[in-house]
Amino acid sequence: MTTRASLYAIRIKGRLGATALSAFPSMACQMMRAETELTGWLEDPYALFGVLAQIDGVGLELLEVRQVRASPRSRESGDER
């Protein structure tokens, strides 16, 4: 059985600096008023748990994790909307 990658958005309390962001090189970030949102494709549940473990390991406060529904052709066509 093969697992397809899924797009996730992860909100973290606070605005992360360059050092903290370097722990998540495969994730894009968006700064908000008092939060940081990391967005990226994760290959399987183990990859998601790995990112969550990194967040916990550096002492960040997790606010939300959600799987983002992408258009069916986004990942395959290289169109990362």
PDB file of N, CA and C in Angstrom:
ATOM      1  N   MET A   1       0.841  -1.184   0.000  1.00  0.00           N
ATOM      2  CA  MET A   1       0.000   0.000   0.000  1.00  0.00           C
ATOM      3  C   MET A   1       0.882   1.243   0.000  1.00  0.00           C
ATOM      4  N   THR A   2       0.628   2.151  -0.930  1.00  0.00           N
ATOM      5  CA  THR A   2       1.408   3.381  -0.990  1.00  0.00           C
ATOM      6  C   THR A   2       0.632   4.512  -0.331  1.00  0.00           C
ATOM      7  N   THR A   3       1.364   5.403   0.279  1.00  0.00           N
ATOM      8  CA  THR A   3       0.772   6.557   0.928  1.00  0.00           C
ATOM      9  C   THR A   3       1.074   7.781   0.091  1.00  0.00           C
ATOM     10  N   ARG A   4       0.078   8.595  -0.131  1.00  0.00           N
ATOM     11  CA  ARG A   4       0.267   9.823  -0.888  1.00  0.00           C
ATOM     12  C   ARG A   4       0.610  10.963   0.063  1.00  0.00           C
ATOM     13  N   ALA A   5       1.451  11.852  -0.413  1.00  0.00           N
ATOM     14  CA  ALA A   5       1.804  13.021   0.385  1.00  0.00           C
ATOM     15  C   ALA A   5       0.564  13.888   0.587  1.00  0.00           C
ATOM     16  N   SER A   6       0.515  14.561   1.708  1.00  0.00           N
ATOM     17  CA  SER A   6      -0.592  15.459   2.026  1.00  0.00           C
ATOM     18  C   SER A   6      -0.040  16.827   2.378  1.00  0.00           C
ATOM     19  N   LEU A   7      -0.820  17.836   2.077  1.00  0.00           N
ATOM     20  CA  LEU A   7      -0.457  19.213   2.400  1.00  0.00           C
ATOM     21  C   LEU A   7      -0.998  19.544   3.789  1.00  0.00           C
ATOM     22  N   TYR A   8      -0.118  20.077   4.645  1.00  0.00           N
ATOM     23  CA  TYR A   8      -0.504  20.427   6.010  1.00  0.00           C
ATOM     24  C   TYR A   8      -0.200  21.892   6.297  1.00  0.00           C
ATOM     25  N   ALA A   9      -1.047  22.499   7.127  1.00  0.00           N
ATOM     26  CA  ALA A   9      -0.814  23.833   7.667  1.00  0.00           C
ATOM     27  C   ALA A   9      -0.727  23.669   9.185  1.00  0.00           C
ATOM     28  N   ILE A  10       0.347  24.199   9.752  1.00  0.00           N
ATOM     29  CA  ILE A  10       0.610  24.050  11.182  1.00  0.00           C
ATOM     30  C   ILE A  10       0.816  25.439  11.772  1.00  0.00           C
ATOM     31  N   ARG A  11      -0.050  25.817  12.724  1.00  0.00           N
ATOM     32  CA  ARG A  11       0.071  27.128  13.361  1.00  0.00           C
ATOM     33  C   ARG A  11       0.790  26.996  14.687  1.00  0.00           C
ATOM     34  N   ILE A  12       1.728  27.910  14.905  1.00  0.00           N
ATOM     35  CA  ILE A  12       2.550  27.934  16.112  1.00  0.00           C
ATOM     36  C   ILE A  12       2.420  29.304  16.751  1.00  0.00           C
ATOM     37  N   LYS A  13       2.339  29.342  18.070  1.00  0.00           N
ATOM     38  CA  LYS A  13       2.248  30.615  18.789  1.00  0.00           C
ATOM     39  C   LYS A  13       3.571  31.352  18.679  1.00  0.00           C
ATOM     40  N   GLY A  14       3.488  32.625  18.363  1.00  0.00           N
ATOM     41  CA  GLY A  14       4.671  33.476  18.277  1.00  0.00           C
ATOM     42  C   GLY A  14       5.208  33.589  16.854  1.00  0.00           C
ATOM     43  N   ARG A  15       6.037  34.583  16.665  1.00  0.00           N
ATOM     44  CA  ARG A  15       6.684  34.796  15.367  1.00  0.00           C
ATOM     45  C   ARG A  15       8.074  34.174  15.437  1.00  0.00           C
ATOM     46  N   LEU A  16       8.280  33.119  14.673  1.00  0.00           N
ATOM     47  CA  LEU A  16       9.548  32.398  14.723  1.00  0.00           C
ATOM     48  C   LEU A  16      10.648  33.164  14.001  1.00  0.00           C
ATOM     49  N   GLY A  17      11.826  33.142  14.580  1.00  0.00           N
ATOM     50  CA  GLY A  17      12.990  33.752  13.954  1.00  0.00           C
ATOM     51  C   GLY A  17      13.675  32.769  13.016  1.00  0.00           C
ATOM     52  N   ALA A  18      14.730  33.238  12.388  1.00  0.00           N
ATOM     53  CA  ALA A  18      15.452  32.438  11.398  1.00  0.00           C
ATOM     54  C   ALA A  18      15.995  31.136  11.984  1.00  0.00           C
ATOM     55  N   THR A  19      16.489  31.181  13.207  1.00  0.00           N
ATOM     56  CA  THR A  19      17.049  29.976  13.820  1.00  0.00           C
ATOM     57  C   THR A  19      15.970  28.917  14.024  1.00  0.00           C
ATOM     58  N   ALA A  20      14.823  29.296  14.567  1.00  0.00           N
ATOM     59  CA  ALA A  20      13.734  28.340  14.778  1.00  0.00           C
ATOM     60  C   ALA A  20      13.201  27.828  13.442  1.00  0.00           C
ATOM     61  N   LEU A  21      13.081  28.706  12.464  1.00  0.00           N
ATOM     62  CA  LEU A  21      12.580  28.292  11.157  1.00  0.00           C
ATOM     63  C   LEU A  21      13.513  27.317  10.454  1.00  0.00           C
ATOM     64  N   SER A  22      14.804  27.388  10.765  1.00  0.00           N
ATOM     65  CA  SER A  22      15.759  26.486  10.124  1.00  0.00           C
ATOM     66  C   SER A  22      15.518  25.022  10.518  1.00  0.00           C
ATOM     67  N   ALA A  23      14.742  24.785  11.566  1.00  0.00           N
ATOM     68  CA  ALA A  23      14.388  23.425  11.966  1.00  0.00           C
ATOM     69  C   ALA A  23      13.342  22.815  11.039  1.00  0.00           C
ATOM     70  N   PHE A  24      12.762  23.632  10.154  1.00  0.00           N
ATOM     71  CA  PHE A  24      11.689  23.175   9.264  1.00  0.00           C
ATOM     72  C   PHE A  24      12.000  23.557   7.819  1.00  0.00           C
ATOM     73  N   PRO A  25      13.095  23.058   7.267  1.00  0.00           N
ATOM     74  CA  PRO A  25      13.540  23.504   5.939  1.00  0.00           C
ATOM     75  C   PRO A  25      12.581  23.155   4.800  1.00  0.00           C
ATOM     76  N   SER A  26      11.765  22.133   4.958  1.00  0.00           N
ATOM     77  CA  SER A  26      10.863  21.745   3.876  1.00  0.00           C
ATOM     78  C   SER A  26       9.511  22.451   3.949  1.00  0.00           C
ATOM     79  N   MET A  27       9.333  23.306   4.935  1.00  0.00           N
ATOM     80  CA  MET A  27       8.049  23.977   5.134  1.00  0.00           C
ATOM     81  C   MET A  27       8.168  25.464   4.768  1.00  0.00           C
ATOM     82  N   ALA A  28       7.137  25.985   4.126  1.00  0.00           N
ATOM     83  CA  ALA A  28       7.056  27.420   3.862  1.00  0.00           C
ATOM     84  C   ALA A  28       6.452  28.070   5.102  1.00  0.00           C
ATOM     85  N   CYS A  29       6.824  29.316   5.364  1.00  0.00           N
ATOM     86  CA  CYS A  29       6.266  29.966   6.549  1.00  0.00           C
ATOM     87  C   CYS A  29       5.577  31.267   6.180  1.00  0.00           C
ATOM     88  N   GLN A  30       4.574  31.581   6.977  1.00  0.00           N
ATOM     89  CA  GLN A  30       3.864  32.843   6.845  1.00  0.00           C
ATOM     90  C   GLN A  30       3.721  33.410   8.251  1.00  0.00           C
ATOM     91  N   MET A  31       4.202  34.639   8.429  1.00  0.00           N
ATOM     92  CA  MET A  31       4.107  35.287   9.733  1.00  0.00           C
ATOM     93  C   MET A  31       2.775  36.028   9.831  1.00  0.00           C
ATOM     94  N   MET A  32       2.149  35.880  10.974  1.00  0.00           N
ATOM     95  CA  MET A  32       0.922  36.608  11.256  1.00  0.00           C
ATOM     96  C   MET A  32       1.189  37.490  12.465  1.00  0.00           C
ATOM     97  N   ARG A  33       0.183  38.117  12.961  1.00  0.00           N
ATOM     98  CA  ARG A  33       0.370  39.059  14.064  1.00  0.00           C
ATOM     99  C   ARG A  33       1.144  38.444  15.226  1.00  0.00           C
ATOM    100  N   ALA A  34       0.646  37.351  15.769  1.00  0.00           N
ATOM    101  CA  ALA A  34       1.305  36.735  16.921  1.00  0.00           C
ATOM    102  C   ALA A  34       1.489  35.233  16.720  1.00  0.00           C
ATOM    103  N   GLU A  35       1.523  34.824  15.455  1.00  0.00           N
ATOM    104  CA  GLU A  35       1.636  33.410  15.131  1.00  0.00           C
ATOM    105  C   GLU A  35       2.495  33.220  13.894  1.00  0.00           C
ATOM    106  N   THR A  36       2.932  31.990  13.721  1.00  0.00           N
ATOM    107  CA  THR A  36       3.628  31.589  12.501  1.00  0.00           C
ATOM    108  C   THR A  36       2.891  30.381  11.950  1.00  0.00           C
ATOM    109  N   GLU A  37       2.642  30.376  10.654  1.00  0.00           N
ATOM    110  CA  GLU A  37       2.027  29.222  10.018  1.00  0.00           C
ATOM    111  C   GLU A  37       3.043  28.564   9.103  1.00  0.00           C
ATOM    112  N   LEU A  38       3.275  27.289   9.331  1.00  0.00           N
ATOM    113  CA  LEU A  38       4.146  26.488   8.476  1.00  0.00           C
ATOM    114  C   LEU A  38       3.253  25.676   7.554  1.00  0.00           C
ATOM    115  N   THR A  39       3.578  25.641   6.277  1.00  0.00           N
ATOM    116  CA  THR A  39       2.797  24.902   5.299  1.00  0.00           C
ATOM    117  C   THR A  39       3.739  24.070   4.456  1.00  0.00           C
ATOM    118  N   GLY A  40       3.369  22.825   4.221  1.00  0.00           N
ATOM    119  CA  GLY A  40       4.207  21.998   3.366  1.00  0.00           C
ATOM    120  C   GLY A  40       3.632  20.614   3.148  1.00  0.00           C
ATOM    121  N   TRP A  41       4.171  19.959   2.124  1.00  0.00           N
ATOM    122  CA  TRP A  41       3.797  18.584   1.796  1.00  0.00           C
ATOM    123  C   TRP A  41       4.576  17.635   2.686  1.00  0.00           C
ATOM    124  N   LEU A  42       3.872  16.733   3.331  1.00  0.00           N
ATOM    125  CA  LEU A  42       4.504  15.710   4.154  1.00  0.00           C
ATOM    126  C   LEU A  42       4.142  14.352   3.567  1.00  0.00           C
ATOM    127  N   GLU A  43       5.139  13.512   3.429  1.00  0.00           N
ATOM    128  CA  GLU A  43       5.000  12.253   2.701  1.00  0.00           C
ATOM    129  C   GLU A  43       4.064  11.244   3.346  1.00  0.00           C
ATOM    130  N   ASP A  44       4.014  11.231   4.668  1.00  0.00           N
ATOM    131  CA  ASP A  44       3.201  10.224   5.363  1.00  0.00           C
ATOM    132  C   ASP A  44       2.997  10.678   6.806  1.00  0.00           C
ATOM    133  N   PRO A  45       2.206   9.923   7.568  1.00  0.00           N
ATOM    134  CA  PRO A  45       1.970  10.313   8.970  1.00  0.00           C
ATOM    135  C   PRO A  45       3.248  10.394   9.797  1.00  0.00           C
ATOM    136  N   TYR A  46       4.233   9.574   9.475  1.00  0.00           N
ATOM    137  CA  TYR A  46       5.495   9.619  10.221  1.00  0.00           C
ATOM    138  C   TYR A  46       6.205  10.950  10.024  1.00  0.00           C
ATOM    139  N   ALA A  47       6.134  11.501   8.826  1.00  0.00           N
ATOM    140  CA  ALA A  47       6.736  12.810   8.568  1.00  0.00           C
ATOM    141  C   ALA A  47       6.012  13.897   9.370  1.00  0.00           C
ATOM    142  N   LEU A  48       4.695  13.807   9.446  1.00  0.00           N
ATOM    143  CA  LEU A  48       3.924  14.756  10.248  1.00  0.00           C
ATOM    144  C   LEU A  48       4.329  14.652  11.719  1.00  0.00           C
ATOM    145  N   PHE A  49       4.405  13.433  12.237  1.00  0.00           N
ATOM    146  CA  PHE A  49       4.797  13.250  13.636  1.00  0.00           C
ATOM    147  C   PHE A  49       6.213  13.760  13.877  1.00  0.00           C
ATOM    148  N   GLY A  50       7.080  13.642  12.876  1.00  0.00           N
ATOM    149  CA  GLY A  50       8.437  14.163  13.000  1.00  0.00           C
ATOM    150  C   GLY A  50       8.449  15.674  13.147  1.00  0.00           C
ATOM    151  N   VAL A  51       7.637  16.364  12.344  1.00  0.00           N
ATOM    152  CA  VAL A  51       7.549  17.829  12.442  1.00  0.00           C
ATOM    153  C   VAL A  51       6.977  18.224  13.803  1.00  0.00           C
ATOM    154  N   LEU A  52       5.947  17.514  14.245  1.00  0.00           N
ATOM    155  CA  LEU A  52       5.354  17.818  15.551  1.00  0.00           C
ATOM    156  C   LEU A  52       6.356  17.576  16.678  1.00  0.00           C
ATOM    157  N   ALA A  53       7.172  16.555  16.552  1.00  0.00           N
ATOM    158  CA  ALA A  53       8.212  16.284  17.559  1.00  0.00           C
ATOM    159  C   ALA A  53       9.253  17.402  17.565  1.00  0.00           C
ATOM    160  N   GLN A  54       9.592  17.928  16.387  1.00  0.00           N
ATOM    161  CA  GLN A  54      10.534  19.053  16.322  1.00  0.00           C
ATOM    162  C   GLN A  54       9.947  20.278  17.024  1.00  0.00           C
ATOM    163  N   ILE A  55       8.681  20.542  16.776  1.00  0.00           N
ATOM    164  CA  ILE A  55       8.017  21.681  17.410  1.00  0.00           C
ATOM    165  C   ILE A  55       8.084  21.543  18.930  1.00  0.00           C
ATOM    166  N   ASP A  56       7.768  20.366  19.428  1.00  0.00           N
ATOM    167  CA  ASP A  56       7.826  20.101  20.860  1.00  0.00           C
ATOM    168  C   ASP A  56       9.263  20.166  21.373  1.00  0.00           C
ATOM    169  N   GLY A  57      10.181  19.630  20.608  1.00  0.00           N
ATOM    170  CA  GLY A  57      11.581  19.565  21.024  1.00  0.00           C
ATOM    171  C   GLY A  57      12.243  20.916  21.211  1.00  0.00           C
ATOM    172  N   VAL A  58      11.803  21.908  20.442  1.00  0.00           N
ATOM    173  CA  VAL A  58      12.397  23.244  20.598  1.00  0.00           C
ATOM    174  C   VAL A  58      11.530  24.149  21.484  1.00  0.00           C
ATOM    175  N   GLY A  59      10.488  23.549  22.102  1.00  0.00           N
ATOM    176  CA  GLY A  59       9.693  24.278  23.087  1.00  0.00           C
ATOM    177  C   GLY A  59       8.690  25.261  22.516  1.00  0.00           C
ATOM    178  N   LEU A  60       8.204  24.999  21.306  1.00  0.00           N
ATOM    179  CA  LEU A  60       7.216  25.892  20.702  1.00  0.00           C
ATOM    180  C   LEU A  60       5.811  25.447  21.094  1.00  0.00           C
ATOM    181  N   GLU A  61       4.878  26.403  21.104  1.00  0.00           N
ATOM    182  CA  GLU A  61       3.499  26.091  21.457  1.00  0.00           C
ATOM    183  C   GLU A  61       2.682  25.871  20.197  1.00  0.00           C
ATOM    184  N   LEU A  62       2.202  24.647  20.017  1.00  0.00           N
ATOM    185  CA  LEU A  62       1.397  24.268  18.860  1.00  0.00           C
ATOM    186  C   LEU A  62      -0.030  24.759  19.057  1.00  0.00           C
ATOM    187  N   LEU A  63      -0.570  25.459  18.055  1.00  0.00           N
ATOM    188  CA  LEU A  63      -1.942  25.959  18.124  1.00  0.00           C
ATOM    189  C   LEU A  63      -2.914  25.134  17.298  1.00  0.00           C
ATOM    190  N   GLU A  64      -2.456  24.697  16.109  1.00  0.00           N
ATOM    191  CA  GLU A  64      -3.375  23.985  15.214  1.00  0.00           C
ATOM    192  C   GLU A  64      -2.580  23.198  14.180  1.00  0.00           C
ATOM    193  N   VAL A  65      -3.105  22.030  13.843  1.00  0.00           N
ATOM    194  CA  VAL A  65      -2.596  21.240  12.725  1.00  0.00           C
ATOM    195  C   VAL A  65      -3.797  20.897  11.872  1.00  0.00           C
ATOM    196  N   ARG A  66      -3.713  21.176  10.586  1.00  0.00           N
ATOM    197  CA  ARG A  66      -4.820  20.787   9.713  1.00  0.00           C
ATOM    198  C   ARG A  66      -4.296  20.329   8.365  1.00  0.00           C
ATOM    199  N   GLN A  67      -4.986  19.361   7.825  1.00  0.00           N
ATOM    200  CA  GLN A  67      -4.658  18.883   6.486  1.00  0.00           C
ATOM    201  C   GLN A  67      -5.413  19.774   5.513  1.00  0.00           C
ATOM    202  N   VAL A  68      -4.697  20.294   4.529  1.00  0.00           N
ATOM    203  CA  VAL A  68      -5.274  21.209   3.554  1.00  0.00           C
ATOM    204  C   VAL A  68      -5.667  20.409   2.326  1.00  0.00           C
ATOM    205  N   ARG A  69      -6.866  20.603   1.885  1.00  0.00           N
ATOM    206  CA  ARG A  69      -7.296  19.942   0.652  1.00  0.00           C
ATOM    207  C   ARG A  69      -6.759  20.736  -0.529  1.00  0.00           C
ATOM    208  N   ALA A  70      -5.925  20.084  -1.305  1.00  0.00           N
ATOM    209  CA  ALA A  70      -5.363  20.712  -2.495  1.00  0.00           C
ATOM    210  C   ALA A  70      -6.122  20.204  -3.710  1.00  0.00           C
ATOM    211  N   SER A  71      -6.080  20.953  -4.786  1.00  0.00           N
ATOM    212  CA  SER A  71      -6.722  20.467  -5.997  1.00  0.00           C
ATOM    213  C   SER A  71      -6.022  19.188  -6.427  1.00  0.00           C
ATOM    214  N   PRO A  72      -6.734  18.242  -7.018  1.00  0.00           N
ATOM    215  CA  PRO A  72      -6.151  16.936  -7.338  1.00  0.00           C
ATOM    216  C   PRO A  72      -4.900  16.998  -8.210  1.00  0.00           C
ATOM    217  N   ARG A  73      -4.757  18.012  -9.019  1.00  0.00           N
ATOM    218  CA  ARG A  73      -3.592  18.059  -9.902  1.00  0.00           C
ATOM    219  C   ARG A  73      -2.451  18.917  -9.385  1.00  0.00           C
ATOM    220  N   SER A  74      -2.617  19.584  -8.256  1.00  0.00           N
ATOM    221  CA  SER A  74      -1.610  20.511  -7.753  1.00  0.00           C
ATOM    222  C   SER A  74      -0.253  19.866  -7.562  1.00  0.00           C
ATOM    223  N   ARG A  75      -0.190  18.759  -6.822  1.00  0.00           N
ATOM    224  CA  ARG A  75       1.093  18.126  -6.489  1.00  0.00           C
ATOM    225  C   ARG A  75       1.736  17.514  -7.738  1.00  0.00           C
ATOM    226  N   GLU A  76       0.966  16.819  -8.551  1.00  0.00           N
ATOM    227  CA  GLU A  76       1.501  16.121  -9.697  1.00  0.00           C
ATOM    228  C   GLU A  76       1.975  17.075 -10.791  1.00  0.00           C
ATOM    229  N   SER A  77       1.290  18.174 -10.976  1.00  0.00           N
ATOM    230  CA  SER A  77       1.642  19.092 -12.059  1.00  0.00           C
ATOM    231  C   SER A  77       2.747  20.068 -11.673  1.00  0.00           C
ATOM    232  N   GLY A  78       3.106  20.079 -10.382  1.00  0.00           N
ATOM    233  CA  GLY A  78       4.112  21.026  -9.936  1.00  0.00           C
ATOM    234  C   GLY A  78       3.513  22.378  -9.609  1.00  0.00           C
ATOM    235  N   ASP A  79       2.193  22.499  -9.718  1.00  0.00           N
ATOM    236  CA  ASP A  79       1.491  23.735  -9.418  1.00  0.00           C
ATOM    237  C   ASP A  79       1.157  23.740  -7.945  1.00  0.00           C
ATOM    238  N   GLU A  80       1.984  24.371  -7.119  1.00  0.00           N
ATOM    239  CA  GLU A  80       1.850  24.356  -5.662  1.00  0.00           C
ATOM    240  C   GLU A  80       0.982  25.486  -5.171  1.00  0.00           C
ATOM    241  N   ARG A  81      -0.286  25.521  -5.532  1.00  0.00           N
ATOM    242  CA  ARG A  81      -1.187  26.608  -5.108  1.00  0.00           C
ATOM    243  C   ARG A  81      -1.477  26.557  -3.666  1.00  0.00           C
TER     244      ARG A  81
END
